[in-house]
Protein backbone atom coordinates (compact mmCIF):
# COMPACT_ATOMS: atom_id res chain seq x y z
CA UNK A 1 -14.63 197.68 -9.95
CA UNK A 2 -11.43 197.30 -12.96
CA UNK A 3 -9.19 199.08 -11.60
CA UNK A 4 -9.35 196.84 -7.82
CA UNK A 5 -8.89 193.95 -9.73
CA UNK A 6 -5.80 194.97 -11.20
CA UNK A 7 -4.53 196.08 -8.18
CA UNK A 8 -3.66 193.11 -6.70
CA UNK A 9 -2.35 191.20 -9.67
CA UNK A 10 0.21 194.31 -10.14
CA UNK A 11 1.22 194.23 -5.85
CA UNK A 12 1.63 190.39 -6.55
CA UNK A 13 4.04 191.02 -9.13
CA UNK A 14 5.77 193.56 -7.56
CA UNK A 15 6.42 191.48 -4.67
CA UNK A 16 7.66 189.04 -6.10
CA UNK A 17 10.58 191.22 -7.84
CA UNK A 18 11.04 193.02 -4.88
CA UNK A 19 12.13 189.11 -2.80
CA UNK A 20 14.28 188.46 -5.93
CA UNK A 21 15.86 192.02 -5.88
CA UNK A 22 16.58 190.73 -2.08
CA UNK A 23 18.09 187.68 -3.46
CA UNK A 24 19.95 189.10 -5.88
CA UNK A 25 21.38 192.61 -3.15
CA UNK A 26 22.68 189.97 -0.73
CA UNK A 27 24.49 188.20 -3.88
CA UNK A 28 26.13 191.00 -5.06
CA UNK A 29 24.58 190.58 -8.20
CA UNK A 30 24.46 193.88 -10.74
CA UNK A 31 23.75 191.89 -13.22
CA UNK A 32 20.25 190.90 -11.66
CA UNK A 33 19.82 193.70 -9.73
CA UNK A 34 20.03 196.17 -13.14
CA UNK A 35 17.32 194.05 -15.03
CA UNK A 36 15.17 193.43 -11.78
CA UNK A 37 14.96 197.74 -11.74
CA UNK A 38 13.34 197.97 -14.85
CA UNK A 39 10.83 196.02 -14.58
CA UNK A 40 9.98 198.01 -11.41
CA UNK A 41 10.16 200.61 -13.65
CA UNK A 42 7.91 198.72 -15.66
CA UNK A 43 5.54 198.10 -12.59
CA UNK A 44 5.61 201.51 -10.89
CA UNK A 45 4.43 203.04 -14.76
CA UNK A 46 0.87 200.68 -14.35
CA UNK A 47 0.66 202.08 -10.54
CA UNK A 48 0.16 204.87 -11.67
CA UNK A 49 -2.84 204.00 -13.47
CA UNK A 50 -4.64 202.70 -10.81
CA UNK A 51 -7.11 205.12 -9.60
CA UNK A 52 -9.48 202.65 -6.96
CA UNK A 53 -8.76 203.04 -3.12
CA UNK A 54 -7.53 199.60 -2.22
CA UNK A 55 -9.31 197.07 -0.06
CA UNK A 56 -8.18 196.09 2.77
CA UNK A 57 -6.51 192.70 1.77
CA UNK A 58 -4.99 195.39 -0.68
CA UNK A 59 -3.47 197.39 1.75
CA UNK A 60 -2.37 193.97 3.22
CA UNK A 61 -0.11 193.59 0.34
CA UNK A 62 1.10 197.76 0.02
CA UNK A 63 2.06 197.03 3.72
CA UNK A 64 4.30 194.00 3.12
CA UNK A 65 5.95 196.05 -0.81
CA UNK A 66 6.84 198.99 2.48
CA UNK A 67 8.79 196.16 4.14
CA UNK A 68 10.11 194.41 1.60
CA UNK A 69 11.52 198.26 -0.19
CA UNK A 70 12.44 198.65 3.45
CA UNK A 71 15.03 196.61 3.67
CA UNK A 72 16.49 196.49 0.13
CA UNK A 73 16.90 199.88 0.91
CA UNK A 74 18.50 198.99 4.09
CA UNK A 75 20.69 196.06 1.97
CA UNK A 76 21.27 199.12 -0.65
CA UNK A 77 22.67 201.60 1.77
CA UNK A 78 24.97 199.02 3.15
CA UNK A 79 26.42 197.99 0.13
CA UNK A 80 27.03 201.18 -0.52
CA UNK A 81 29.31 202.72 2.45
CA UNK A 82 31.09 198.92 2.46
CA UNK A 83 32.21 200.52 -1.29
CA UNK A 84 32.81 203.87 0.24
CA UNK A 85 34.36 202.33 3.07
CA UNK A 86 36.71 199.58 0.82
CA UNK A 87 38.10 202.52 -1.19
CA UNK A 88 39.09 204.71 1.18
CA UNK A 89 41.28 201.88 2.76
CA UNK A 90 42.63 201.64 -0.02
CA UNK A 91 43.24 205.06 -1.83
CA UNK A 92 44.57 205.45 1.58
CA UNK A 93 47.06 203.08 1.25
CA UNK A 94 48.11 203.69 -2.06
CA UNK A 95 49.06 207.09 -1.11
CA UNK A 96 51.12 205.58 1.61
CA UNK A 97 55.22 206.43 1.84
CA UNK A 98 56.04 203.01 -0.74
CA UNK A 99 59.77 201.70 -1.14
CA UNK A 100 61.06 201.49 -4.78
CA UNK A 101 64.29 200.45 -5.40
CA UNK A 102 66.76 203.39 -6.46
CA UNK A 103 68.76 203.59 -9.73
CA UNK A 104 71.78 202.47 -7.47
CA UNK A 105 69.99 199.45 -6.33
CA UNK A 106 69.51 200.32 -3.28
CA UNK A 107 65.97 200.63 -1.19
CA UNK A 108 64.67 203.85 -1.01
CA UNK A 109 61.44 206.05 0.29
CA UNK A 110 59.22 206.97 -2.32
CA UNK A 111 55.66 208.76 -2.49
CA UNK A 112 55.05 209.76 -5.71
CA UNK A 113 55.05 205.89 -7.11
CA UNK A 114 53.59 205.00 -9.94
CA UNK A 115 53.85 202.74 -13.20
CA UNK A 116 55.50 205.47 -15.86
CA UNK A 117 58.21 207.12 -15.12
CA UNK A 118 56.59 210.55 -16.30
CA UNK A 119 60.14 212.16 -15.77
CA UNK A 120 61.74 211.18 -18.22
C-alpha cells in the first residue's frame, strides 16, 4: 500500500515537469530542456521502483503523462525537422556558384569560395 501512495506524487511531479518541458520546447530554450531531461531521468528511476497496481486515479494521471509526452515528442520532431530543412537550404545556398572578384578586378563566377586562399 505504501508504494501506491508514492506513485501519485511522482506522477503529479512528472506532469508538472512535462508541462515545463512543453513550454521550453515551444520557446526553443535548450538550457531549460537539458535541465528538465535530467529531472525526468530522476523521476523515471523512482518510478521503476514502484511495484503496485495503479488505482483508477493513477491510471488517469498515467494517461495525462502519456498525452503530454506524445505532445512533447511531436514538438521535438518538429524542431528537428525544421533544423534539418534549415541546414539543407543554407548548405544548398552555400554550394551555389558565387561571384567573386578576380585579380584583374573583374567579376568572376567561382564555385569553391572559401575564407582562406589555399592555393598559395
